[in-house]
Protein backbone atom coordinates (compact mmCIF):
# COMPACT_ATOMS: atom_id res chain seq x y z
CA UNK A 1 -0.06 -0.04 -0.05
CA UNK A 2 1.48 3.81 -0.91
CA UNK A 3 2.08 5.03 1.79
CA UNK A 4 1.56 8.39 0.40
CA UNK A 5 -1.83 7.76 -0.25
CA UNK A 6 -2.54 6.96 3.03
CA UNK A 7 -0.95 10.00 4.51
CA UNK A 8 -3.50 12.53 2.46
CA UNK A 9 -6.11 10.03 3.03
CA UNK A 10 -5.42 10.99 6.99
CA UNK A 11 -5.09 14.15 6.83
CA UNK A 12 -8.65 14.07 5.07
CA UNK A 13 -10.23 12.76 8.09
CA UNK A 14 -8.30 14.78 10.35
CA UNK A 15 -8.75 18.25 8.88
CA UNK A 16 -12.27 17.06 7.97
CA UNK A 17 -11.80 19.29 4.40
CA UNK A 18 -9.44 18.28 1.15
CA UNK A 19 -8.22 21.81 0.75
CA UNK A 20 -6.98 21.84 4.11
CA UNK A 21 -5.51 18.28 4.40
CA UNK A 22 -3.68 19.32 1.28
CA UNK A 23 -1.92 22.65 2.62
CA UNK A 24 -0.94 20.78 5.58
CA UNK A 25 0.34 18.50 3.50
CA UNK A 26 2.06 21.40 1.18
CA UNK A 27 -0.11 19.90 -2.29
CA UNK A 28 -2.52 20.97 -4.71
CA UNK A 29 -6.67 19.87 -3.74
CA UNK A 30 -6.99 18.05 -6.58
CA UNK A 31 -3.50 15.78 -5.99
CA UNK A 32 -5.06 15.20 -2.06
CA UNK A 33 -8.58 14.29 -4.09
CA UNK A 34 -6.33 12.12 -6.13
CA UNK A 35 -5.05 10.18 -3.86
CA UNK A 36 -8.08 9.66 -2.04
CA UNK A 37 -9.26 8.10 -5.06
CA UNK A 38 -6.96 5.73 -6.05
CA UNK A 39 -7.25 4.55 -2.16
CA UNK A 40 -10.88 3.62 -2.77
CA UNK A 41 -10.22 1.94 -5.95
CA UNK A 42 -7.37 0.02 -4.71
CA UNK A 43 -9.60 -1.58 -1.94
CA UNK A 44 -12.37 -1.19 -3.58
CA UNK A 45 -14.68 0.44 -1.20
CA UNK A 46 -15.81 4.29 -0.58
CA UNK A 47 -13.82 5.85 2.21
CA UNK A 48 -14.95 9.60 2.29
CA UNK A 49 -18.33 10.97 2.07
CA UNK A 50 -17.98 14.36 0.77
CA UNK A 51 -20.97 16.74 1.71
CA UNK A 52 -19.65 17.03 4.36
CA UNK A 53 -16.08 15.55 4.83
CA UNK A 54 -16.66 12.78 7.16
CA UNK A 55 -15.26 8.96 7.24
CA UNK A 56 -17.46 6.00 5.67
CA UNK A 57 -17.78 3.39 8.40
CA UNK A 58 -14.84 1.74 6.19
CA UNK A 59 -12.76 4.99 6.16
CA UNK A 60 -13.29 5.33 10.16
CA UNK A 61 -11.55 1.60 9.87
CA UNK A 62 -8.94 2.68 7.77
CA UNK A 63 -7.84 5.86 9.89
CA UNK A 64 -6.84 3.86 12.63
CA UNK A 65 -4.66 1.38 10.91
CA UNK A 66 -3.31 4.19 9.21
CA UNK A 67 -2.00 6.21 12.16
CA UNK A 68 -0.16 3.10 13.42
CA UNK A 69 1.35 2.36 9.86
CA UNK A 70 2.17 5.69 9.56
CA UNK A 71 3.99 6.28 12.90
CA UNK A 72 5.87 3.04 12.41
CA UNK A 73 6.92 4.20 8.65
CA UNK A 74 8.28 7.68 10.10
CA UNK A 75 10.06 5.24 13.07
CA UNK A 76 11.40 3.12 10.54
CA UNK A 77 13.21 5.71 8.85
CA UNK A 78 14.52 7.89 11.95
CA UNK A 79 15.93 3.97 12.74
CA UNK A 80 17.99 3.71 9.35
CA UNK A 81 19.15 6.95 9.67
CA UNK A 82 20.28 6.51 12.94
CA UNK A 83 21.43 2.67 12.80
CA UNK A 84 25.07 4.11 13.25
CA UNK A 85 24.51 6.06 16.03
CA UNK A 86 23.28 3.75 18.61
CA UNK A 87 25.40 1.09 18.05
CA UNK A 88 25.27 -0.32 21.75
CA UNK A 89 21.42 -1.22 21.67
CA UNK A 90 22.11 -3.04 18.68
CA UNK A 91 21.01 -6.96 20.06
CA UNK A 92 19.65 -5.59 23.31
CA UNK A 93 15.49 -6.81 23.92
CA UNK A 94 13.86 -3.47 24.06
CA UNK A 95 13.59 -3.74 28.33
CA UNK A 96 9.53 -2.32 29.52
CA UNK A 97 8.32 -1.37 32.63
CA UNK A 98 5.09 -1.92 33.57
CA UNK A 99 3.67 0.02 36.54
CA UNK A 100 0.73 -1.62 37.93
CA UNK A 101 -1.63 -2.68 35.06
CA UNK A 102 0.29 0.31 33.16
CA UNK A 103 -1.99 2.46 30.84
CA UNK A 104 -5.61 0.20 30.84
CA UNK A 105 -5.50 -1.29 27.11
CA UNK A 106 -2.53 0.84 26.09
CA UNK A 107 -0.08 -1.35 27.36
CA UNK A 108 -0.51 -5.00 25.37
CA UNK A 109 -1.65 -2.93 22.65
CA UNK A 110 1.78 -1.17 22.70
CA UNK A 111 3.69 -3.68 22.73
CA UNK A 112 1.57 -6.12 20.11
CA UNK A 113 2.16 -3.40 17.72
CA UNK A 114 6.37 -3.58 18.44
CA UNK A 115 6.65 -6.96 18.25
CA UNK A 116 4.73 -7.23 14.86
CA UNK A 117 6.37 -3.87 13.21
CA UNK A 118 10.42 -5.55 15.12
CA UNK A 119 9.25 -9.21 15.23
CA UNK A 120 13.42 -9.64 15.15
CA UNK A 121 13.95 -7.54 18.70
CA UNK A 122 12.82 -9.32 21.63
CA UNK A 123 11.34 -7.63 24.68
CA UNK A 124 11.22 -8.09 27.74
CA UNK A 125 8.24 -6.48 30.43
CA UNK A 126 9.55 -5.69 33.89
CA UNK A 127 7.13 -5.51 36.70
CA UNK A 128 7.48 -1.40 39.04
CA UNK A 129 6.99 -0.96 41.73
CA UNK A 130 5.49 2.21 43.48
CA UNK A 131 9.67 3.34 44.16
CA UNK A 132 10.43 2.58 40.62
CA UNK A 133 8.59 5.53 39.24
CA UNK A 134 11.98 7.38 38.16
CA UNK A 135 14.40 5.02 39.10
CA UNK A 136 14.01 2.24 36.94
CA UNK A 137 14.96 4.10 33.68
CA UNK A 138 17.34 6.68 35.43
CA UNK A 139 19.45 3.44 36.26
CA UNK A 140 19.26 1.82 33.48
CA UNK A 141 16.99 -1.10 34.30
CA UNK A 142 14.18 -0.52 31.99
CA UNK A 143 14.25 1.47 28.03
CA UNK A 144 10.61 2.48 28.78
CA UNK A 145 8.08 2.80 31.30
CA UNK A 146 4.74 3.31 31.59
CA UNK A 147 4.07 5.20 35.03
CA UNK A 148 2.21 7.35 36.31
CA UNK A 149 1.62 10.54 37.34
CA UNK A 150 4.40 12.03 35.63
CA UNK A 151 7.42 12.08 36.62
CA UNK A 152 8.96 15.01 37.65
CA UNK A 153 12.52 14.65 36.54
CA UNK A 154 14.63 16.25 33.45
CA UNK A 155 16.26 13.02 32.77
CA UNK A 156 13.05 11.71 31.73
CA UNK A 157 10.48 12.70 28.75
CA UNK A 158 6.70 11.55 28.61
CA UNK A 159 4.24 11.15 26.74
CA UNK A 160 0.03 10.83 27.66
CA UNK A 161 -1.18 7.41 27.11
CA UNK A 162 -4.79 8.13 29.16
CA UNK A 163 -6.35 10.85 31.29
CA UNK A 164 -9.24 9.19 33.85
CA UNK A 165 -10.92 9.50 36.38
CA UNK A 166 -9.70 8.96 39.93
CA UNK A 167 -10.74 6.76 42.70
CA UNK A 168 -10.65 4.35 46.07
CA UNK A 169 -11.12 1.38 46.28
CA UNK A 170 -12.22 0.25 49.92
CA UNK A 171 -13.36 -3.00 51.71
CA UNK A 172 -16.70 -3.76 51.13
CA UNK A 173 -16.96 -3.53 55.73
CA UNK A 174 -16.45 0.19 55.25
CA UNK A 175 -19.38 2.50 55.12
CA UNK A 176 -17.76 4.51 51.71
CA UNK A 177 -18.67 1.35 49.76
CA UNK A 178 -22.10 2.22 49.48
CA UNK A 179 -21.25 5.44 47.05
CA UNK A 180 -19.91 2.63 44.62
CA UNK A 181 -22.65 4.21 42.25
CA UNK A 182 -23.60 7.40 43.07
CA UNK A 183 -19.81 8.04 44.01
CA UNK A 184 -17.66 10.33 46.98
CA UNK A 185 -16.06 13.44 47.60
CA UNK A 186 -12.84 14.76 48.83
CA UNK A 187 -14.26 15.59 51.99
CA UNK A 188 -15.04 11.92 51.67
CA UNK A 189 -12.36 9.81 51.65
CA UNK A 190 -9.94 12.30 54.10
CA UNK A 191 -10.16 9.96 56.49
CA UNK A 192 -9.89 6.74 55.30
CA UNK A 193 -6.82 4.73 56.42
CA UNK A 194 -5.09 4.73 53.06
CA UNK A 195 -1.19 2.53 53.24
CA UNK A 196 1.91 3.68 53.59
CA UNK A 197 5.08 3.61 51.15
CA UNK A 198 8.38 3.86 51.77
CA UNK A 199 10.14 7.38 52.70
CA UNK A 200 12.55 7.01 49.25
CA UNK A 201 8.79 7.18 47.10
CA UNK A 202 9.10 9.79 44.61
CA UNK A 203 7.30 12.71 45.72
CA UNK A 204 5.19 13.29 42.55
CA UNK A 205 3.99 9.61 42.86
CA UNK A 206 2.78 10.01 46.38
CA UNK A 207 1.17 12.49 46.53
CA UNK A 208 -0.31 11.53 43.26
CA UNK A 209 -1.75 8.75 46.03
CA UNK A 210 -2.76 10.32 47.91
CA UNK A 211 -5.24 12.89 46.24
CA UNK A 212 -2.23 15.68 47.63
CA UNK A 213 -3.23 16.36 51.10
CA UNK A 214 -6.82 15.46 50.98
CA UNK A 215 -6.20 11.60 51.95
CA UNK A 216 -4.85 12.60 55.76
CA UNK A 217 -4.82 9.60 57.36
CA UNK A 218 -2.37 6.08 56.51
CA UNK A 219 -3.08 2.75 57.80
CA UNK A 220 -0.55 0.90 59.65
CA UNK A 221 0.65 -1.35 56.51
CA UNK A 222 3.16 -0.74 53.81
CA UNK A 223 2.34 -1.53 49.84
CA UNK A 224 4.49 -1.13 47.15
CA UNK A 225 2.40 -2.98 44.28
CA UNK A 226 -1.27 -3.10 42.96
CA UNK A 227 -1.55 -6.62 44.62
CA UNK A 228 -0.57 -5.49 48.09
CA UNK A 229 -2.24 -2.65 48.33
CA UNK A 230 -5.87 -4.91 47.38
CA UNK A 231 -4.59 -7.79 50.52
CA UNK A 232 -5.19 -4.77 52.87
CA UNK A 233 -7.95 -3.54 51.15
CA UNK A 234 -9.91 -7.48 51.00
CA UNK A 235 -8.79 -8.55 54.51
CA UNK A 236 -10.47 -4.74 55.93
CA UNK A 237 -7.56 -2.70 56.82
CA UNK A 238 -6.15 -1.02 53.85
CA UNK A 239 -7.42 1.57 51.11
CA UNK A 240 -6.00 2.64 48.05
CA UNK A 241 -6.84 4.57 45.00
CA UNK A 242 -5.58 4.40 41.38
CA UNK A 243 -7.59 5.56 38.29
CA UNK A 244 -10.65 4.13 36.79
CA UNK A 245 -9.11 1.54 34.62
CA UNK A 246 -7.85 0.34 37.97
CA UNK A 247 -11.50 -1.35 38.60
CA UNK A 248 -11.17 -3.68 34.82
CA UNK A 249 -7.74 -4.82 36.25
CA UNK A 250 -8.22 -6.02 39.47
CA UNK A 251 -11.53 -6.61 40.16
CA UNK A 252 -11.11 -8.83 43.54
CA UNK A 253 -13.67 -10.18 45.26
CA UNK A 254 -14.69 -7.95 48.45
CA UNK A 255 -12.87 -4.87 47.14
CA UNK A 256 -15.33 -2.17 46.01
CA UNK A 257 -13.84 1.03 43.95
CA UNK A 258 -15.63 4.08 44.28
CA UNK A 259 -15.35 7.45 42.14
CA UNK A 260 -13.93 10.38 43.53
CA UNK A 261 -16.19 12.60 42.06
CA UNK A 262 -14.60 16.11 42.30
CA UNK A 263 -10.81 15.00 41.97
CA UNK A 264 -9.01 16.26 39.53
CA UNK A 265 -8.56 14.04 36.49
CA UNK A 266 -5.26 11.70 36.32
CA UNK A 267 -2.80 10.66 33.37
CA UNK A 268 -0.51 8.18 32.64
CA UNK A 269 2.24 8.22 30.54
CA UNK A 270 5.04 6.01 28.89
CA UNK A 271 8.26 7.51 29.72
CA UNK A 272 11.48 7.34 28.34
CA UNK A 273 15.11 8.66 29.06
CA UNK A 274 15.26 12.07 27.66
CA UNK A 275 17.44 11.95 24.40
CA UNK A 276 17.80 8.37 24.22
CA UNK A 277 19.13 7.52 20.70
CA UNK A 278 18.20 4.02 20.77
CA UNK A 279 15.48 3.70 17.73
CA UNK A 280 13.67 0.33 19.00
CA UNK A 281 12.70 3.01 22.00
CA UNK A 282 11.49 5.93 19.11
CA UNK A 283 10.05 3.01 17.52
CA UNK A 284 8.24 1.84 20.41
CA UNK A 285 7.43 5.66 21.42
CA UNK A 286 5.91 6.32 18.05
CA UNK A 287 3.89 3.95 17.90
CA UNK A 288 2.58 4.06 21.98
CA UNK A 289 1.58 7.30 20.77
CA UNK A 290 -0.82 6.61 17.65
CA UNK A 291 -2.69 4.15 19.63
CA UNK A 292 -2.87 6.69 22.55
CA UNK A 293 -3.95 8.94 19.72
CA UNK A 294 -6.38 6.05 18.78
CA UNK A 295 -7.59 3.98 22.17
CA UNK A 296 -7.37 6.54 24.52
CA UNK A 297 -10.17 8.88 24.85
CA UNK A 298 -12.14 5.50 24.83
CA UNK A 299 -10.42 3.81 27.91
CA UNK A 300 -10.29 7.19 29.28
CA UNK A 301 -14.03 7.21 29.40
């Protein structure tokens, strides 16, 4: 498939107008129109409604694939251009760090997209605990990391993957469990016995866990992973916090997930080392960003 045709088609979909798409691509409107017609002929189906301009059902599907294909192609070009700039990375597996459930469905989607695009590159998945918000990257134990919230460290750069509502998780025996359908407010969670984290846990992560200063009370138990948090929850001792997608991945019997209605929405991120010239890192990042644009809004609902 001619990537030029895909690029023109995707620009029309995103701009909603042939003329604006042409200006964005530095092409003439007739050239963009011809590209779309050729693509429709090649695929044997109509991809765009013309008045007004909008994708057909087939066009919507193709637009999703086009974003991923173009991102992979651009990353591959960067890979070739930088082939002699990162010899130390040649032959090394890509180490993907995942804190908790990462960026929900975007995490396995990104890993699988990379494996399809770079089948000759081994991928190692490494689970990160709450204290490894930044250290796993800066100490070169992973190459990319799905974390939350954004690392406050100049040695790391991060891209938003999802933006979601905040939740607390409490035992069924807690009174707040009755608010699972109606939701709670920050004032309602102030005195919950939240789990503790070690003193060397990065401050941005502790502020995220405890809703800034809104969650004032701490229980007696420490936790470093979501599994340890949930163990404390289902045994009736602790409360925890997370993003809305947390409930889909950790639906343990006895744990109740309550939306916090007035808490600011928080994001999950893909983080990499600043200035990392490993082309495999750049390819993974490009694919994850393309998927975040495609899938992220649905995950964030």
